[in-house]
């Protein structure tokens, strides 16, 4: 199993980053990667060729099953944050937060497609392979995700302010 140990040593940080992009929580991302690697280890001898699609599929599927079980109620805050002044470097942080809030509202499958395609820079065919679906299904999920992001009020306000 030295091949598995080498794979983990080489890919752990990238897998953890992908898991973080899906969960937006480093602790949960680490748990997700550990769970995925434990599942991959069991099947390691049966994996032919590049193990990345198999491991990414485990991460996406495990995240989806965890996401379905988790309660996503509103989290009250006492004070709403102020908007950053135009030209202030903190506006980028605010924009990033607006974007991630909008992405977190997408379905688990749509979020996985967006993260794998835009943040992991996978082709649509690679995303389809990782998620175990057709390229047409990936295009459909991506189209729906982008449509939802376009009509999100926070994202619209952010992009209009940039014009």
C-alpha atoms as a PDB file:
ATOM      1  CA  UNK A   1       0.000   0.000   0.000  1.00  0.00           C
ATOM      2  CA  UNK A   2       2.936   2.340  -0.483  1.00  0.00           C
ATOM      3  CA  UNK A   3       1.185   3.631  -3.623  1.00  0.00           C
ATOM      4  CA  UNK A   4      -1.727   4.766  -1.476  1.00  0.00           C
ATOM      5  CA  UNK A   5       0.597   6.477   1.011  1.00  0.00           C
ATOM      6  CA  UNK A   6       2.358   8.269  -1.844  1.00  0.00           C
ATOM      7  CA  UNK A   7      -0.984   9.337  -3.321  1.00  0.00           C
ATOM      8  CA  UNK A   8      -2.127  10.744   0.035  1.00  0.00           C
ATOM      9  CA  UNK A   9       1.168  12.574   0.537  1.00  0.00           C
ATOM     10  CA  UNK A  10       0.954  14.147  -2.920  1.00  0.00           C
ATOM     11  CA  UNK A  11      -2.758  14.949  -3.094  1.00  0.00           C
ATOM     12  CA  UNK A  12      -3.918  15.554   0.476  1.00  0.00           C
ATOM     13  CA  UNK A  13      -3.725  19.357   0.393  1.00  0.00           C
ATOM     14  CA  UNK A  14      -5.527  19.625  -2.937  1.00  0.00           C
ATOM     15  CA  UNK A  15      -8.225  17.207  -1.788  1.00  0.00           C
ATOM     16  CA  UNK A  16      -8.592  19.192   1.425  1.00  0.00           C
ATOM     17  CA  UNK A  17      -8.905  22.450  -0.531  1.00  0.00           C
ATOM     18  CA  UNK A  18     -11.603  20.945  -2.727  1.00  0.00           C
ATOM     19  CA  UNK A  19     -13.443  19.673   0.344  1.00  0.00           C
ATOM     20  CA  UNK A  20     -13.148  23.127   1.909  1.00  0.00           C
ATOM     21  CA  UNK A  21     -14.609  24.739  -1.208  1.00  0.00           C
ATOM     22  CA  UNK A  22     -17.562  22.375  -0.909  1.00  0.00           C
ATOM     23  CA  UNK A  23     -18.080  22.769   2.848  1.00  0.00           C
ATOM     24  CA  UNK A  24     -16.626  26.220   3.659  1.00  0.00           C
ATOM     25  CA  UNK A  25     -15.343  24.792   6.961  1.00  0.00           C
ATOM     26  CA  UNK A  26     -11.770  23.521   7.391  1.00  0.00           C
ATOM     27  CA  UNK A  27     -12.648  21.049  10.162  1.00  0.00           C
ATOM     28  CA  UNK A  28     -15.497  19.501   8.190  1.00  0.00           C
ATOM     29  CA  UNK A  29     -13.305  19.507   5.070  1.00  0.00           C
ATOM     30  CA  UNK A  30     -10.623  17.551   6.911  1.00  0.00           C
ATOM     31  CA  UNK A  31     -13.234  15.043   8.125  1.00  0.00           C
ATOM     32  CA  UNK A  32     -14.587  14.759   4.587  1.00  0.00           C
ATOM     33  CA  UNK A  33     -11.123  14.057   3.142  1.00  0.00           C
ATOM     34  CA  UNK A  34     -10.331  11.515   5.859  1.00  0.00           C
ATOM     35  CA  UNK A  35     -13.628   9.731   5.218  1.00  0.00           C
ATOM     36  CA  UNK A  36     -13.019   9.754   1.462  1.00  0.00           C
ATOM     37  CA  UNK A  37      -9.469   8.450   1.838  1.00  0.00           C
ATOM     38  CA  UNK A  38     -10.641   5.697   4.191  1.00  0.00           C
ATOM     39  CA  UNK A  39     -13.208   4.619   1.582  1.00  0.00           C
ATOM     40  CA  UNK A  40     -10.594   4.830  -1.178  1.00  0.00           C
ATOM     41  CA  UNK A  41      -8.124   2.758   0.824  1.00  0.00           C
ATOM     42  CA  UNK A  42     -10.631  -0.088   1.068  1.00  0.00           C
ATOM     43  CA  UNK A  43     -11.059  -0.080  -2.714  1.00  0.00           C
ATOM     44  CA  UNK A  44      -7.488   0.896  -3.628  1.00  0.00           C
ATOM     45  CA  UNK A  45      -6.544  -2.435  -5.257  1.00  0.00           C
ATOM     46  CA  UNK A  46      -9.616  -2.251  -7.506  1.00  0.00           C
ATOM     47  CA  UNK A  47      -8.873   1.266  -8.824  1.00  0.00           C
ATOM     48  CA  UNK A  48      -7.430   1.148 -12.344  1.00  0.00           C
ATOM     49  CA  UNK A  49      -5.383   4.056 -13.626  1.00  0.00           C
ATOM     50  CA  UNK A  50      -5.672   7.537 -12.174  1.00  0.00           C
ATOM     51  CA  UNK A  51      -7.356   7.415  -8.733  1.00  0.00           C
ATOM     52  CA  UNK A  52      -8.324  11.123  -8.759  1.00  0.00           C
ATOM     53  CA  UNK A  53     -11.756  10.738 -10.392  1.00  0.00           C
ATOM     54  CA  UNK A  54     -12.613   7.950  -7.956  1.00  0.00           C
ATOM     55  CA  UNK A  55     -11.494   9.935  -4.885  1.00  0.00           C
ATOM     56  CA  UNK A  56     -13.174  13.154  -6.057  1.00  0.00           C
ATOM     57  CA  UNK A  57     -16.380  11.186  -6.651  1.00  0.00           C
ATOM     58  CA  UNK A  58     -16.193   9.840  -3.089  1.00  0.00           C
ATOM     59  CA  UNK A  59     -15.707  13.386  -1.780  1.00  0.00           C
ATOM     60  CA  UNK A  60     -18.636  14.757  -3.797  1.00  0.00           C
ATOM     61  CA  UNK A  61     -20.964  11.886  -2.893  1.00  0.00           C
ATOM     62  CA  UNK A  62     -20.026  11.883   0.789  1.00  0.00           C
ATOM     63  CA  UNK A  63     -20.493  15.643   0.972  1.00  0.00           C
ATOM     64  CA  UNK A  64     -23.890  15.315  -0.689  1.00  0.00           C
ATOM     65  CA  UNK A  65     -25.018  12.688   1.813  1.00  0.00           C
ATOM     66  CA  UNK A  66     -23.745  14.772   4.746  1.00  0.00           C
ATOM     67  CA  UNK A  67     -25.368  17.893   3.254  1.00  0.00           C
ATOM     68  CA  UNK A  68     -28.756  16.156   2.997  1.00  0.00           C
ATOM     69  CA  UNK A  69     -28.660  15.210   6.677  1.00  0.00           C
ATOM     70  CA  UNK A  70     -27.536  18.581   8.054  1.00  0.00           C
ATOM     71  CA  UNK A  71     -30.031  21.173   9.248  1.00  0.00           C
ATOM     72  CA  UNK A  72     -29.527  24.516   7.540  1.00  0.00           C
ATOM     73  CA  UNK A  73     -31.576  26.931   9.566  1.00  0.00           C
ATOM     74  CA  UNK A  74     -30.960  30.605   9.764  1.00  0.00           C
ATOM     75  CA  UNK A  75     -28.186  31.756  12.025  1.00  0.00           C
ATOM     76  CA  UNK A  76     -29.218  34.989  13.748  1.00  0.00           C
ATOM     77  CA  UNK A  77     -26.741  37.817  14.137  1.00  0.00           C
ATOM     78  CA  UNK A  78     -27.049  40.772  16.423  1.00  0.00           C
ATOM     79  CA  UNK A  79     -25.579  43.359  14.059  1.00  0.00           C
ATOM     80  CA  UNK A  80     -25.363  43.310  10.280  1.00  0.00           C
ATOM     81  CA  UNK A  81     -21.894  44.072   8.903  1.00  0.00           C
ATOM     82  CA  UNK A  82     -21.299  47.459   7.268  1.00  0.00           C
ATOM     83  CA  UNK A  83     -20.663  47.654   3.542  1.00  0.00           C
ATOM     84  CA  UNK A  84     -17.066  48.382   2.675  1.00  0.00           C
ATOM     85  CA  UNK A  85     -16.133  51.713   1.132  1.00  0.00           C
ATOM     86  CA  UNK A  86     -15.452  51.571  -2.625  1.00  0.00           C
ATOM     87  CA  UNK A  87     -11.739  51.165  -3.268  1.00  0.00           C
ATOM     88  CA  UNK A  88     -11.166  49.701   0.172  1.00  0.00           C
ATOM     89  CA  UNK A  89      -9.334  46.351   0.080  1.00  0.00           C
ATOM     90  CA  UNK A  90     -11.971  44.899   2.399  1.00  0.00           C
ATOM     91  CA  UNK A  91     -14.538  45.138  -0.395  1.00  0.00           C
ATOM     92  CA  UNK A  92     -12.851  42.131  -2.035  1.00  0.00           C
ATOM     93  CA  UNK A  93     -13.397  40.147   1.155  1.00  0.00           C
ATOM     94  CA  UNK A  94     -17.015  41.257   1.211  1.00  0.00           C
ATOM     95  CA  UNK A  95     -17.479  40.312  -2.431  1.00  0.00           C
ATOM     96  CA  UNK A  96     -15.934  36.913  -1.797  1.00  0.00           C
ATOM     97  CA  UNK A  97     -18.271  36.419   1.149  1.00  0.00           C
ATOM     98  CA  UNK A  98     -21.299  37.396  -0.968  1.00  0.00           C
ATOM     99  CA  UNK A  99     -20.254  34.969  -3.683  1.00  0.00           C
ATOM    100  CA  UNK A 100     -19.649  32.086  -1.258  1.00  0.00           C
ATOM    101  CA  UNK A 101     -22.941  32.755   0.491  1.00  0.00           C
ATOM    102  CA  UNK A 102     -24.688  32.507  -2.882  1.00  0.00           C
ATOM    103  CA  UNK A 103     -22.752  29.359  -3.827  1.00  0.00           C
ATOM    104  CA  UNK A 104     -23.631  27.761  -0.491  1.00  0.00           C
ATOM    105  CA  UNK A 105     -27.328  28.200  -1.355  1.00  0.00           C
ATOM    106  CA  UNK A 106     -26.935  26.014  -4.448  1.00  0.00           C
ATOM    107  CA  UNK A 107     -27.880  22.356  -4.289  1.00  0.00           C
ATOM    108  CA  UNK A 108     -25.067  19.998  -3.381  1.00  0.00           C
ATOM    109  CA  UNK A 109     -24.732  18.742  -6.956  1.00  0.00           C
ATOM    110  CA  UNK A 110     -24.728  22.261  -8.435  1.00  0.00           C
ATOM    111  CA  UNK A 111     -22.129  23.411  -5.905  1.00  0.00           C
ATOM    112  CA  UNK A 112     -19.959  20.372  -6.695  1.00  0.00           C
ATOM    113  CA  UNK A 113     -20.116  21.148 -10.422  1.00  0.00           C
ATOM    114  CA  UNK A 114     -19.211  24.830  -9.856  1.00  0.00           C
ATOM    115  CA  UNK A 115     -16.327  23.995  -7.491  1.00  0.00           C
ATOM    116  CA  UNK A 116     -14.863  21.245  -9.664  1.00  0.00           C
ATOM    117  CA  UNK A 117     -15.198  23.197 -12.923  1.00  0.00           C
ATOM    118  CA  UNK A 118     -14.218  26.712 -11.861  1.00  0.00           C
ATOM    119  CA  UNK A 119     -12.023  26.209  -8.796  1.00  0.00           C
ATOM    120  CA  UNK A 120     -10.384  22.866  -9.596  1.00  0.00           C
ATOM    121  CA  UNK A 121     -10.260  23.835 -13.293  1.00  0.00           C
ATOM    122  CA  UNK A 122     -11.606  20.495 -14.476  1.00  0.00           C
ATOM    123  CA  UNK A 123     -13.119  20.145 -17.925  1.00  0.00           C
ATOM    124  CA  UNK A 124     -16.811  19.313 -18.163  1.00  0.00           C
ATOM    125  CA  UNK A 125     -15.868  15.755 -19.151  1.00  0.00           C
ATOM    126  CA  UNK A 126     -13.638  15.412 -16.080  1.00  0.00           C
ATOM    127  CA  UNK A 127     -16.407  16.751 -13.831  1.00  0.00           C
ATOM    128  CA  UNK A 128     -18.837  14.273 -15.374  1.00  0.00           C
ATOM    129  CA  UNK A 129     -16.374  11.450 -14.741  1.00  0.00           C
ATOM    130  CA  UNK A 130     -15.863  12.504 -11.112  1.00  0.00           C
ATOM    131  CA  UNK A 131     -19.590  12.839 -10.436  1.00  0.00           C
ATOM    132  CA  UNK A 132     -20.510   9.711 -12.370  1.00  0.00           C
ATOM    133  CA  UNK A 133     -22.915  11.386 -14.778  1.00  0.00           C
ATOM    134  CA  UNK A 134     -23.028  12.525 -18.399  1.00  0.00           C
ATOM    135  CA  UNK A 135     -21.469  15.715 -19.729  1.00  0.00           C
ATOM    136  CA  UNK A 136     -25.006  16.856 -20.580  1.00  0.00           C
ATOM    137  CA  UNK A 137     -26.022  16.497 -16.930  1.00  0.00           C
ATOM    138  CA  UNK A 138     -22.980  18.533 -15.883  1.00  0.00           C
ATOM    139  CA  UNK A 139     -23.859  21.256 -18.419  1.00  0.00           C
ATOM    140  CA  UNK A 140     -27.434  21.266 -17.164  1.00  0.00           C
ATOM    141  CA  UNK A 141     -26.401  21.532 -13.503  1.00  0.00           C
ATOM    142  CA  UNK A 142     -23.842  24.215 -14.338  1.00  0.00           C
ATOM    143  CA  UNK A 143     -26.398  26.200 -16.336  1.00  0.00           C
ATOM    144  CA  UNK A 144     -28.920  26.042 -13.514  1.00  0.00           C
ATOM    145  CA  UNK A 145     -26.273  27.012 -10.960  1.00  0.00           C
ATOM    146  CA  UNK A 146     -25.131  30.011 -12.990  1.00  0.00           C
ATOM    147  CA  UNK A 147     -28.752  31.073 -13.554  1.00  0.00           C
ATOM    148  CA  UNK A 148     -29.374  30.963  -9.793  1.00  0.00           C
ATOM    149  CA  UNK A 149     -26.203  32.956  -9.152  1.00  0.00           C
ATOM    150  CA  UNK A 150     -27.226  35.576 -11.744  1.00  0.00           C
ATOM    151  CA  UNK A 151     -30.547  36.240 -10.013  1.00  0.00           C
ATOM    152  CA  UNK A 152     -29.117  36.190  -6.485  1.00  0.00           C
ATOM    153  CA  UNK A 153     -29.653  39.674  -5.081  1.00  0.00           C
ATOM    154  CA  UNK A 154     -26.279  39.821  -3.324  1.00  0.00           C
ATOM    155  CA  UNK A 155     -24.371  38.790  -6.439  1.00  0.00           C
ATOM    156  CA  UNK A 156     -26.370  41.224  -8.616  1.00  0.00           C
ATOM    157  CA  UNK A 157     -25.670  44.085  -6.223  1.00  0.00           C
ATOM    158  CA  UNK A 158     -21.993  43.163  -6.136  1.00  0.00           C
ATOM    159  CA  UNK A 159     -21.634  43.041  -9.931  1.00  0.00           C
ATOM    160  CA  UNK A 160     -23.616  46.249 -10.464  1.00  0.00           C
ATOM    161  CA  UNK A 161     -21.338  48.060  -7.989  1.00  0.00           C
ATOM    162  CA  UNK A 162     -18.296  46.937 -10.041  1.00  0.00           C
ATOM    163  CA  UNK A 163     -19.644  48.488 -13.264  1.00  0.00           C
END
